[in-house]
């Protein structure tokens, strides 16, 4: 698979990063926090944002949301086709707790970067579990919004967290289990 060069954020966008965009009037105020997120919440992935709000943030920092192809390239290590970002290791058929937050192990997301053992071969973390991520669907090599999500979340079963699995949601809604990350073109 040939994918043009790009850089991907190491972690999903956090609440404190999104709050800064709110302060600059790039995106509307977030329903869960009007003031600066407290010390405990600042490193949580931002959730409850629509596809358009996520994309506005990404454009504000000079990038865009990843396409499904870009997301899978990083998660699968290119043509290696890994089942999960770290490979295929499971514990009794489930995702190891040291690798990702899934399987209803929490009532909500936890701070980004909490599972370094689950990073991809490209050094990108939190691709599996914690929160699903908005992605651009690709059609005719041009991204079009379709409400595609990848990666699984804190409540997802193992099958929904596999790299090759995509789901769709209404892009006009925000969800407490969906966040996003940013990609940038590399010349």
N, C-alpha and C. Protein backbone atom coordinates (compact mmCIF):
# COMPACT_ATOMS: atom_id res chain seq x y z
N UNK A 1 0.85 -1.17 0.00
CA UNK A 1 0.00 0.00 0.00
C UNK A 1 0.90 1.24 0.00
N UNK A 2 0.65 2.14 -0.94
CA UNK A 2 1.41 3.39 -0.98
C UNK A 2 0.58 4.49 -0.32
N UNK A 3 1.17 5.11 0.68
CA UNK A 3 0.51 6.21 1.38
C UNK A 3 1.47 7.40 1.36
N UNK A 4 1.03 8.55 0.84
CA UNK A 4 1.91 9.73 0.87
C UNK A 4 2.39 10.02 2.28
N UNK A 5 3.59 10.57 2.40
CA UNK A 5 4.18 10.84 3.72
C UNK A 5 3.29 11.76 4.54
N UNK A 6 3.22 11.46 5.84
CA UNK A 6 2.46 12.28 6.77
C UNK A 6 3.01 12.05 8.17
N UNK A 7 2.69 12.95 9.07
CA UNK A 7 3.01 12.80 10.49
C UNK A 7 1.69 12.74 11.25
N UNK A 8 1.64 11.90 12.27
CA UNK A 8 0.43 11.75 13.08
C UNK A 8 0.74 12.11 14.52
N UNK A 9 -0.20 12.78 15.19
CA UNK A 9 0.00 13.11 16.60
C UNK A 9 0.19 11.83 17.41
N UNK A 10 1.08 11.89 18.36
CA UNK A 10 1.39 10.70 19.17
C UNK A 10 0.19 10.24 19.98
N UNK A 11 -0.62 11.20 20.44
CA UNK A 11 -1.78 10.90 21.28
C UNK A 11 -3.03 11.56 20.69
N UNK A 12 -4.21 11.10 21.12
CA UNK A 12 -5.42 11.85 20.77
C UNK A 12 -5.37 13.24 21.39
N UNK A 13 -6.12 14.16 20.82
CA UNK A 13 -6.20 15.53 21.34
C UNK A 13 -6.78 15.49 22.75
N UNK A 14 -6.18 16.26 23.65
CA UNK A 14 -6.61 16.26 25.06
C UNK A 14 -7.57 17.41 25.33
N UNK A 15 -8.18 17.36 26.49
CA UNK A 15 -9.12 18.42 26.89
C UNK A 15 -8.43 19.77 26.99
N UNK A 16 -7.22 19.81 27.51
CA UNK A 16 -6.54 21.10 27.65
C UNK A 16 -6.20 21.67 26.28
N UNK A 17 -5.82 20.84 25.32
CA UNK A 17 -5.55 21.32 23.97
C UNK A 17 -6.82 21.87 23.33
N UNK A 18 -7.91 21.16 23.50
CA UNK A 18 -9.18 21.60 22.91
C UNK A 18 -9.66 22.89 23.60
N UNK A 19 -9.46 22.98 24.90
CA UNK A 19 -9.86 24.18 25.64
C UNK A 19 -9.16 25.42 25.08
N UNK A 20 -7.89 25.26 24.69
CA UNK A 20 -7.16 26.38 24.09
C UNK A 20 -7.81 26.83 22.79
N UNK A 21 -8.30 25.87 22.00
CA UNK A 21 -9.00 26.22 20.76
C UNK A 21 -10.31 26.94 21.06
N UNK A 22 -10.99 26.55 22.13
CA UNK A 22 -12.21 27.25 22.56
C UNK A 22 -11.87 28.69 22.92
N UNK A 23 -10.77 28.89 23.65
CA UNK A 23 -10.37 30.24 24.06
C UNK A 23 -10.05 31.13 22.86
N UNK A 24 -9.59 30.53 21.78
CA UNK A 24 -9.26 31.28 20.55
C UNK A 24 -10.45 31.36 19.60
N UNK A 25 -11.62 30.90 20.05
CA UNK A 25 -12.86 30.96 19.26
C UNK A 25 -12.78 30.15 17.96
N UNK A 26 -11.99 29.09 17.98
CA UNK A 26 -11.89 28.21 16.81
C UNK A 26 -13.05 27.22 16.80
N UNK A 27 -13.43 26.77 17.98
CA UNK A 27 -14.52 25.82 18.15
C UNK A 27 -15.45 26.35 19.24
N UNK A 28 -16.71 25.90 19.25
CA UNK A 28 -17.64 26.38 20.27
C UNK A 28 -17.27 25.83 21.66
N UNK A 29 -17.76 26.46 22.72
CA UNK A 29 -17.50 25.96 24.07
C UNK A 29 -17.89 24.49 24.20
N UNK A 30 -17.13 23.78 24.99
CA UNK A 30 -17.37 22.36 25.19
C UNK A 30 -18.46 22.17 26.24
N UNK A 31 -19.37 21.20 26.05
CA UNK A 31 -20.47 21.03 27.00
C UNK A 31 -20.03 20.57 28.39
N UNK A 32 -18.86 19.93 28.50
CA UNK A 32 -18.44 19.41 29.80
C UNK A 32 -17.56 20.36 30.60
N UNK A 33 -16.91 21.31 29.93
CA UNK A 33 -16.06 22.23 30.68
C UNK A 33 -16.07 23.61 30.04
N UNK A 34 -16.46 24.58 30.84
CA UNK A 34 -16.45 25.98 30.40
C UNK A 34 -15.16 26.66 30.84
N UNK A 35 -14.62 26.20 31.96
CA UNK A 35 -13.36 26.75 32.46
C UNK A 35 -12.23 25.81 32.08
N UNK A 36 -11.01 26.26 32.33
CA UNK A 36 -9.85 25.41 32.05
C UNK A 36 -10.01 24.08 32.78
N UNK A 37 -9.78 22.95 32.07
CA UNK A 37 -9.91 21.64 32.74
C UNK A 37 -8.95 21.55 33.93
N UNK A 38 -9.42 20.94 35.00
CA UNK A 38 -8.58 20.81 36.18
C UNK A 38 -7.42 19.86 35.91
N UNK A 39 -6.51 19.80 36.85
CA UNK A 39 -5.28 19.01 36.69
C UNK A 39 -5.58 17.56 36.35
N UNK A 40 -6.60 16.99 36.95
CA UNK A 40 -6.94 15.59 36.71
C UNK A 40 -7.50 15.40 35.30
N UNK A 41 -8.33 16.31 34.83
CA UNK A 41 -9.03 16.15 33.55
C UNK A 41 -8.25 16.63 32.34
N UNK A 42 -7.22 17.42 32.52
CA UNK A 42 -6.56 18.06 31.38
C UNK A 42 -5.94 17.07 30.39
N UNK A 43 -5.50 15.90 30.85
CA UNK A 43 -4.87 14.93 29.96
C UNK A 43 -5.84 13.85 29.47
N UNK A 44 -7.12 14.01 29.77
CA UNK A 44 -8.10 13.09 29.21
C UNK A 44 -8.30 13.43 27.74
N UNK A 45 -8.57 12.42 26.91
CA UNK A 45 -8.87 12.77 25.52
C UNK A 45 -10.18 13.56 25.47
N UNK A 46 -10.21 14.59 24.64
CA UNK A 46 -11.45 15.34 24.50
C UNK A 46 -12.46 14.46 23.78
N UNK A 47 -13.68 14.46 24.25
CA UNK A 47 -14.77 13.68 23.66
C UNK A 47 -15.98 14.61 23.53
N UNK A 48 -17.08 14.07 23.06
CA UNK A 48 -18.30 14.85 22.89
C UNK A 48 -18.13 16.01 21.92
N UNK A 49 -17.28 15.82 20.91
CA UNK A 49 -17.14 16.82 19.86
C UNK A 49 -17.62 16.21 18.55
N UNK A 50 -18.26 17.03 17.74
CA UNK A 50 -18.74 16.55 16.44
C UNK A 50 -17.57 16.38 15.49
N UNK A 51 -17.84 15.72 14.38
CA UNK A 51 -16.83 15.55 13.34
C UNK A 51 -16.33 16.93 12.88
N UNK A 52 -17.24 17.88 12.63
CA UNK A 52 -16.85 19.21 12.16
C UNK A 52 -16.02 19.96 13.19
N UNK A 53 -16.35 19.83 14.47
CA UNK A 53 -15.56 20.49 15.51
C UNK A 53 -14.15 19.89 15.57
N UNK A 54 -14.07 18.56 15.46
CA UNK A 54 -12.76 17.90 15.46
C UNK A 54 -11.93 18.38 14.27
N UNK A 55 -12.57 18.45 13.13
CA UNK A 55 -11.85 18.87 11.92
C UNK A 55 -11.43 20.34 12.00
N UNK A 56 -12.27 21.19 12.59
CA UNK A 56 -11.90 22.60 12.76
C UNK A 56 -10.66 22.73 13.64
N UNK A 57 -10.59 21.95 14.71
CA UNK A 57 -9.41 21.96 15.57
C UNK A 57 -8.19 21.53 14.77
N UNK A 58 -8.31 20.43 14.03
CA UNK A 58 -7.19 19.91 13.25
C UNK A 58 -6.68 20.95 12.25
N UNK A 59 -7.60 21.62 11.58
CA UNK A 59 -7.20 22.66 10.62
C UNK A 59 -6.52 23.83 11.34
N UNK A 60 -6.98 24.14 12.54
CA UNK A 60 -6.41 25.23 13.33
C UNK A 60 -4.94 24.97 13.65
N UNK A 61 -4.58 23.73 13.86
CA UNK A 61 -3.18 23.40 14.17
C UNK A 61 -2.41 23.01 12.91
N UNK A 62 -2.98 23.31 11.73
CA UNK A 62 -2.27 23.12 10.47
C UNK A 62 -2.36 21.73 9.88
N UNK A 63 -3.28 20.90 10.37
CA UNK A 63 -3.40 19.54 9.86
C UNK A 63 -4.81 19.20 9.45
N UNK A 64 -5.16 17.94 9.63
CA UNK A 64 -6.50 17.46 9.34
C UNK A 64 -6.71 16.19 10.15
N UNK A 65 -7.90 15.67 10.10
CA UNK A 65 -8.14 14.36 10.69
C UNK A 65 -7.48 13.32 9.79
N UNK A 66 -7.04 12.20 10.36
CA UNK A 66 -6.46 11.17 9.50
C UNK A 66 -7.52 10.51 8.62
N UNK A 67 -7.12 10.11 7.43
CA UNK A 67 -8.01 9.29 6.62
C UNK A 67 -8.00 7.89 7.22
N UNK A 68 -8.96 7.09 6.87
CA UNK A 68 -8.98 5.69 7.31
C UNK A 68 -7.68 5.01 6.87
N UNK A 69 -7.22 5.29 5.67
CA UNK A 69 -5.98 4.68 5.15
C UNK A 69 -4.78 5.09 6.00
N UNK A 70 -4.66 6.36 6.34
CA UNK A 70 -3.55 6.82 7.18
C UNK A 70 -3.62 6.17 8.55
N UNK A 71 -4.80 6.16 9.16
CA UNK A 71 -4.96 5.59 10.49
C UNK A 71 -4.54 4.12 10.48
N UNK A 72 -5.04 3.36 9.49
CA UNK A 72 -4.71 1.94 9.42
C UNK A 72 -3.23 1.71 9.10
N UNK A 73 -2.64 2.57 8.29
CA UNK A 73 -1.22 2.43 7.96
C UNK A 73 -0.37 2.50 9.23
N UNK A 74 -0.67 3.46 10.08
CA UNK A 74 0.09 3.60 11.33
C UNK A 74 -0.24 2.45 12.29
N UNK A 75 -1.50 2.10 12.41
CA UNK A 75 -1.89 1.04 13.35
C UNK A 75 -1.41 -0.34 12.90
N UNK A 76 -1.40 -0.59 11.60
CA UNK A 76 -1.04 -1.91 11.08
C UNK A 76 0.44 -2.03 10.73
N UNK A 77 1.20 -0.94 10.89
CA UNK A 77 2.61 -0.89 10.51
C UNK A 77 2.76 -1.14 9.00
N UNK A 78 2.09 -0.32 8.23
CA UNK A 78 2.19 -0.41 6.77
C UNK A 78 1.58 -1.69 6.23
N UNK A 79 2.35 -2.40 5.47
CA UNK A 79 1.87 -3.64 4.84
C UNK A 79 1.93 -4.85 5.77
N UNK A 80 2.38 -4.65 6.99
CA UNK A 80 2.49 -5.76 7.94
C UNK A 80 1.13 -6.30 8.36
N UNK A 81 0.11 -5.46 8.30
CA UNK A 81 -1.28 -5.85 8.62
C UNK A 81 -1.43 -6.39 10.03
N UNK A 82 -0.87 -5.69 11.00
CA UNK A 82 -1.02 -6.10 12.40
C UNK A 82 -2.49 -6.10 12.80
N UNK A 83 -2.87 -7.04 13.64
CA UNK A 83 -4.23 -7.14 14.14
C UNK A 83 -4.55 -5.99 15.10
N UNK A 84 -3.58 -5.64 15.95
CA UNK A 84 -3.66 -4.53 16.89
C UNK A 84 -2.39 -3.70 16.71
N UNK A 85 -2.34 -2.46 17.18
CA UNK A 85 -1.13 -1.65 16.99
C UNK A 85 0.15 -2.32 17.48
N UNK A 86 0.10 -3.08 18.55
CA UNK A 86 1.29 -3.73 19.11
C UNK A 86 1.56 -5.09 18.49
N UNK A 87 0.66 -5.62 17.71
CA UNK A 87 0.81 -6.95 17.11
C UNK A 87 -0.48 -7.74 17.27
N UNK A 88 -0.36 -8.98 17.75
CA UNK A 88 -1.54 -9.82 17.90
C UNK A 88 -1.68 -10.41 19.29
N UNK A 89 -0.81 -10.03 20.22
CA UNK A 89 -0.84 -10.61 21.57
C UNK A 89 -2.13 -10.29 22.30
N UNK A 90 -2.77 -11.34 22.81
CA UNK A 90 -3.97 -11.22 23.63
C UNK A 90 -3.78 -12.07 24.88
N UNK A 91 -4.55 -11.78 25.92
CA UNK A 91 -4.57 -12.59 27.13
C UNK A 91 -5.94 -13.25 27.22
N UNK A 92 -5.98 -14.56 27.07
CA UNK A 92 -7.23 -15.31 27.12
C UNK A 92 -8.27 -14.73 26.16
N UNK A 93 -7.80 -14.35 24.96
CA UNK A 93 -8.70 -13.84 23.94
C UNK A 93 -9.10 -12.38 24.10
N UNK A 94 -8.54 -11.70 25.09
CA UNK A 94 -8.89 -10.29 25.32
C UNK A 94 -7.64 -9.42 25.27
N UNK A 95 -7.86 -8.12 25.09
CA UNK A 95 -6.77 -7.17 25.05
C UNK A 95 -6.12 -7.10 26.43
N UNK A 96 -4.78 -7.22 26.50
CA UNK A 96 -4.11 -7.13 27.81
C UNK A 96 -4.34 -5.75 28.44
N UNK A 97 -4.62 -5.67 29.74
CA UNK A 97 -4.82 -4.38 30.40
C UNK A 97 -3.62 -3.44 30.29
N UNK A 98 -2.42 -4.00 30.08
CA UNK A 98 -1.23 -3.17 29.95
C UNK A 98 -1.12 -2.52 28.56
N UNK A 99 -1.95 -2.95 27.61
CA UNK A 99 -1.84 -2.48 26.24
C UNK A 99 -2.92 -1.48 25.83
N UNK A 100 -4.10 -1.53 26.43
CA UNK A 100 -5.18 -0.63 26.03
C UNK A 100 -6.32 -0.70 27.04
N UNK A 101 -7.12 0.35 27.06
CA UNK A 101 -8.33 0.39 27.89
C UNK A 101 -9.50 -0.02 27.01
N UNK A 102 -10.04 -1.21 27.28
CA UNK A 102 -11.18 -1.74 26.53
C UNK A 102 -11.90 -2.73 27.43
N UNK A 103 -12.86 -3.43 26.87
CA UNK A 103 -13.55 -4.50 27.61
C UNK A 103 -14.26 -3.99 28.87
N UNK A 104 -14.76 -2.75 28.83
CA UNK A 104 -15.50 -2.17 29.97
C UNK A 104 -14.69 -2.16 31.26
N UNK A 105 -13.40 -1.88 31.15
CA UNK A 105 -12.54 -1.81 32.35
C UNK A 105 -12.64 -0.47 33.06
N UNK A 106 -13.43 0.45 32.52
CA UNK A 106 -13.57 1.77 33.11
C UNK A 106 -14.94 2.33 32.72
N UNK A 107 -15.43 3.29 33.49
CA UNK A 107 -16.71 3.92 33.15
C UNK A 107 -16.52 5.12 32.22
N UNK A 108 -15.28 5.39 31.84
CA UNK A 108 -14.98 6.49 30.95
C UNK A 108 -13.53 6.46 30.55
N UNK A 109 -13.11 7.37 29.68
CA UNK A 109 -11.72 7.38 29.25
C UNK A 109 -10.77 7.76 30.38
N UNK A 110 -9.52 7.35 30.23
CA UNK A 110 -8.45 7.68 31.16
C UNK A 110 -7.42 8.55 30.44
N UNK A 111 -6.47 9.16 31.16
CA UNK A 111 -5.50 10.05 30.51
C UNK A 111 -4.76 9.38 29.34
N UNK A 112 -4.48 10.17 28.32
CA UNK A 112 -3.75 9.66 27.16
C UNK A 112 -2.36 9.23 27.61
N UNK A 113 -1.80 8.26 26.89
CA UNK A 113 -0.45 7.79 27.19
C UNK A 113 -0.36 6.81 28.34
N UNK A 114 -1.49 6.29 28.80
CA UNK A 114 -1.49 5.38 29.95
C UNK A 114 -1.10 3.95 29.59
N UNK A 115 -0.96 3.65 28.29
CA UNK A 115 -0.68 2.27 27.85
C UNK A 115 0.47 2.24 26.86
N UNK A 116 1.70 2.58 27.28
CA UNK A 116 2.82 2.60 26.33
C UNK A 116 3.10 1.23 25.70
N UNK A 117 2.73 0.15 26.34
CA UNK A 117 2.95 -1.19 25.76
C UNK A 117 2.07 -1.41 24.53
N UNK A 118 1.05 -0.59 24.36
CA UNK A 118 0.15 -0.74 23.22
C UNK A 118 0.48 0.16 22.04
N UNK A 119 1.63 0.84 22.09
CA UNK A 119 1.97 1.76 20.99
C UNK A 119 2.23 1.01 19.69
N UNK A 120 2.05 1.71 18.59
CA UNK A 120 2.30 1.11 17.27
C UNK A 120 3.81 1.12 16.99
N UNK A 121 4.21 0.45 15.93
CA UNK A 121 5.61 0.43 15.53
C UNK A 121 6.09 1.83 15.15
N UNK A 122 5.16 2.74 14.86
CA UNK A 122 5.50 4.13 14.52
C UNK A 122 5.56 5.03 15.76
N UNK A 123 5.36 4.45 16.95
CA UNK A 123 5.43 5.23 18.19
C UNK A 123 4.16 5.98 18.53
N UNK A 124 3.08 5.70 17.83
CA UNK A 124 1.80 6.37 18.08
C UNK A 124 1.03 5.57 19.13
N UNK A 125 0.51 6.26 20.15
CA UNK A 125 -0.14 5.60 21.27
C UNK A 125 -1.65 5.83 21.27
N UNK A 126 -2.33 4.96 22.00
CA UNK A 126 -3.79 5.06 22.21
C UNK A 126 -4.59 4.89 20.93
N UNK A 127 -4.08 4.13 19.98
CA UNK A 127 -4.85 3.84 18.76
C UNK A 127 -5.93 2.79 19.04
N UNK A 128 -5.75 2.05 20.11
CA UNK A 128 -6.68 0.96 20.44
C UNK A 128 -7.29 1.24 21.81
N UNK A 129 -8.60 1.25 21.88
CA UNK A 129 -9.28 1.45 23.16
C UNK A 129 -9.25 2.90 23.61
N UNK A 130 -9.65 3.13 24.83
CA UNK A 130 -9.81 4.44 25.46
C UNK A 130 -10.92 5.21 24.77
N UNK A 131 -10.69 5.77 23.56
CA UNK A 131 -11.77 6.40 22.80
C UNK A 131 -11.65 6.04 21.32
N UNK A 132 -12.80 5.88 20.66
CA UNK A 132 -12.80 5.79 19.21
C UNK A 132 -12.25 7.10 18.67
N UNK A 133 -11.86 7.13 17.40
CA UNK A 133 -11.34 8.36 16.80
C UNK A 133 -12.03 8.65 15.48
N UNK A 134 -12.46 9.92 15.33
CA UNK A 134 -13.03 10.35 14.06
C UNK A 134 -11.97 10.24 12.98
N UNK A 135 -12.35 9.75 11.81
CA UNK A 135 -11.45 9.67 10.64
C UNK A 135 -12.19 10.15 9.41
N UNK A 136 -11.41 10.57 8.42
CA UNK A 136 -11.96 10.92 7.12
C UNK A 136 -12.05 9.65 6.29
N UNK A 137 -13.17 9.45 5.64
CA UNK A 137 -13.29 8.35 4.68
C UNK A 137 -12.70 8.86 3.39
N UNK A 138 -12.11 7.99 2.62
CA UNK A 138 -11.53 8.43 1.36
C UNK A 138 -12.35 7.89 0.20
N UNK A 139 -12.65 8.76 -0.72
CA UNK A 139 -13.35 8.38 -1.93
C UNK A 139 -12.75 9.17 -3.07
N UNK A 140 -12.33 8.52 -4.11
CA UNK A 140 -11.67 9.17 -5.25
C UNK A 140 -10.46 9.99 -4.78
N UNK A 141 -9.76 9.48 -3.80
CA UNK A 141 -8.56 10.13 -3.24
C UNK A 141 -8.83 11.50 -2.63
N UNK A 142 -10.09 11.81 -2.37
CA UNK A 142 -10.42 13.07 -1.72
C UNK A 142 -11.21 12.76 -0.46
N UNK A 143 -10.76 13.30 0.69
CA UNK A 143 -11.48 13.03 1.93
C UNK A 143 -12.88 13.65 1.91
N UNK A 144 -13.84 12.88 2.34
CA UNK A 144 -15.21 13.38 2.48
C UNK A 144 -15.73 12.97 3.85
N UNK A 145 -16.44 13.85 4.55
CA UNK A 145 -16.92 13.48 5.87
C UNK A 145 -17.97 12.38 5.80
N UNK A 146 -17.79 11.36 6.61
CA UNK A 146 -18.74 10.26 6.62
C UNK A 146 -19.03 9.76 8.02
N UNK A 147 -18.40 10.34 9.03
CA UNK A 147 -18.65 9.88 10.39
C UNK A 147 -18.00 8.55 10.71
N UNK A 148 -16.85 8.26 10.09
CA UNK A 148 -16.16 7.01 10.34
C UNK A 148 -15.36 7.10 11.64
N UNK A 149 -15.43 6.04 12.45
CA UNK A 149 -14.63 5.96 13.67
C UNK A 149 -13.80 4.70 13.65
N UNK A 150 -12.63 4.78 14.30
CA UNK A 150 -11.69 3.66 14.35
C UNK A 150 -11.17 3.51 15.78
N UNK A 151 -10.71 2.31 16.11
CA UNK A 151 -9.91 2.10 17.31
C UNK A 151 -10.57 1.53 18.54
N UNK A 152 -11.88 1.55 18.64
CA UNK A 152 -12.53 1.05 19.85
C UNK A 152 -12.45 2.05 21.00
N UNK A 153 -13.13 1.74 22.09
CA UNK A 153 -13.15 2.63 23.25
C UNK A 153 -13.08 1.84 24.54
N UNK A 154 -13.22 2.54 25.65
CA UNK A 154 -13.13 1.92 26.97
C UNK A 154 -14.16 0.83 27.20
N UNK A 155 -15.28 0.85 26.47
CA UNK A 155 -16.30 -0.18 26.66
C UNK A 155 -16.34 -1.21 25.55
N UNK A 156 -15.48 -1.05 24.54
CA UNK A 156 -15.54 -1.93 23.36
C UNK A 156 -15.02 -3.34 23.64
N UNK A 157 -15.68 -4.33 23.04
CA UNK A 157 -15.12 -5.68 23.09
C UNK A 157 -13.89 -5.75 22.18
N UNK A 158 -13.07 -6.74 22.39
CA UNK A 158 -11.84 -6.90 21.62
C UNK A 158 -12.08 -6.82 20.12
N UNK A 159 -13.13 -7.45 19.62
CA UNK A 159 -13.41 -7.48 18.18
C UNK A 159 -13.57 -6.08 17.59
N UNK A 160 -14.11 -5.14 18.34
CA UNK A 160 -14.31 -3.78 17.84
C UNK A 160 -13.03 -2.94 17.86
N UNK A 161 -12.00 -3.44 18.52
CA UNK A 161 -10.74 -2.70 18.65
C UNK A 161 -9.71 -3.10 17.60
N UNK A 162 -10.00 -4.09 16.79
CA UNK A 162 -9.04 -4.54 15.77
C UNK A 162 -8.79 -3.43 14.75
N UNK A 163 -7.56 -3.36 14.27
CA UNK A 163 -7.15 -2.29 13.35
C UNK A 163 -8.02 -2.18 12.11
N UNK A 164 -8.49 -3.30 11.57
CA UNK A 164 -9.25 -3.28 10.33
C UNK A 164 -10.72 -2.96 10.48
N UNK A 165 -11.19 -2.77 11.71
CA UNK A 165 -12.62 -2.53 11.94
C UNK A 165 -12.92 -1.03 11.91
N UNK A 166 -13.93 -0.66 11.14
CA UNK A 166 -14.44 0.71 11.09
C UNK A 166 -15.92 0.68 11.40
N UNK A 167 -16.39 1.75 11.99
CA UNK A 167 -17.81 1.92 12.24
C UNK A 167 -18.19 3.32 11.82
N UNK A 168 -19.48 3.59 11.71
CA UNK A 168 -19.92 4.93 11.37
C UNK A 168 -20.92 5.42 12.41
N UNK A 169 -20.87 6.70 12.64
CA UNK A 169 -21.80 7.38 13.55
C UNK A 169 -22.28 8.65 12.86
N UNK A 170 -23.32 9.25 13.40
CA UNK A 170 -23.81 10.52 12.88
C UNK A 170 -22.74 11.58 13.13
N UNK A 171 -22.14 12.16 12.08
CA UNK A 171 -21.08 13.14 12.27
C UNK A 171 -21.55 14.47 12.87
N UNK A 172 -22.86 14.67 12.94
CA UNK A 172 -23.39 15.91 13.51
C UNK A 172 -23.53 15.83 15.03
N UNK A 173 -23.24 14.67 15.60
CA UNK A 173 -23.35 14.47 17.05
C UNK A 173 -21.97 14.29 17.66
N UNK A 174 -21.84 14.66 18.93
CA UNK A 174 -20.65 14.33 19.71
C UNK A 174 -20.99 13.16 20.60
N UNK A 175 -20.01 12.36 20.93
CA UNK A 175 -20.23 11.15 21.73
C UNK A 175 -19.20 11.07 22.85
N UNK A 176 -19.59 10.56 24.03
CA UNK A 176 -18.65 10.51 25.16
C UNK A 176 -17.55 9.46 25.00
N UNK A 177 -17.60 8.70 23.93
CA UNK A 177 -16.61 7.65 23.70
C UNK A 177 -15.83 7.87 22.40
N UNK A 178 -15.96 9.06 21.78
CA UNK A 178 -15.26 9.36 20.53
C UNK A 178 -14.41 10.61 20.69
N UNK A 179 -13.15 10.50 20.35
CA UNK A 179 -12.21 11.62 20.32
C UNK A 179 -11.62 11.73 18.92
N UNK A 180 -10.41 12.28 18.84
CA UNK A 180 -9.75 12.42 17.53
C UNK A 180 -8.28 12.73 17.72
N UNK A 181 -7.54 12.58 16.65
CA UNK A 181 -6.13 12.99 16.60
C UNK A 181 -5.89 13.71 15.28
N UNK A 182 -4.69 14.22 15.08
CA UNK A 182 -4.38 15.08 13.94
C UNK A 182 -3.24 14.48 13.11
N UNK A 183 -3.30 14.67 11.79
CA UNK A 183 -2.20 14.34 10.90
C UNK A 183 -1.78 15.59 10.14
N UNK A 184 -0.52 15.60 9.72
CA UNK A 184 0.03 16.70 8.94
C UNK A 184 0.77 16.13 7.74
N UNK A 185 0.68 16.80 6.57
CA UNK A 185 1.47 16.33 5.42
C UNK A 185 2.95 16.58 5.66
N UNK A 186 3.77 15.70 5.13
CA UNK A 186 5.22 15.86 5.22
C UNK A 186 5.76 15.97 3.79
N UNK A 187 6.48 17.06 3.49
CA UNK A 187 6.98 17.24 2.11
C UNK A 187 8.00 16.18 1.74
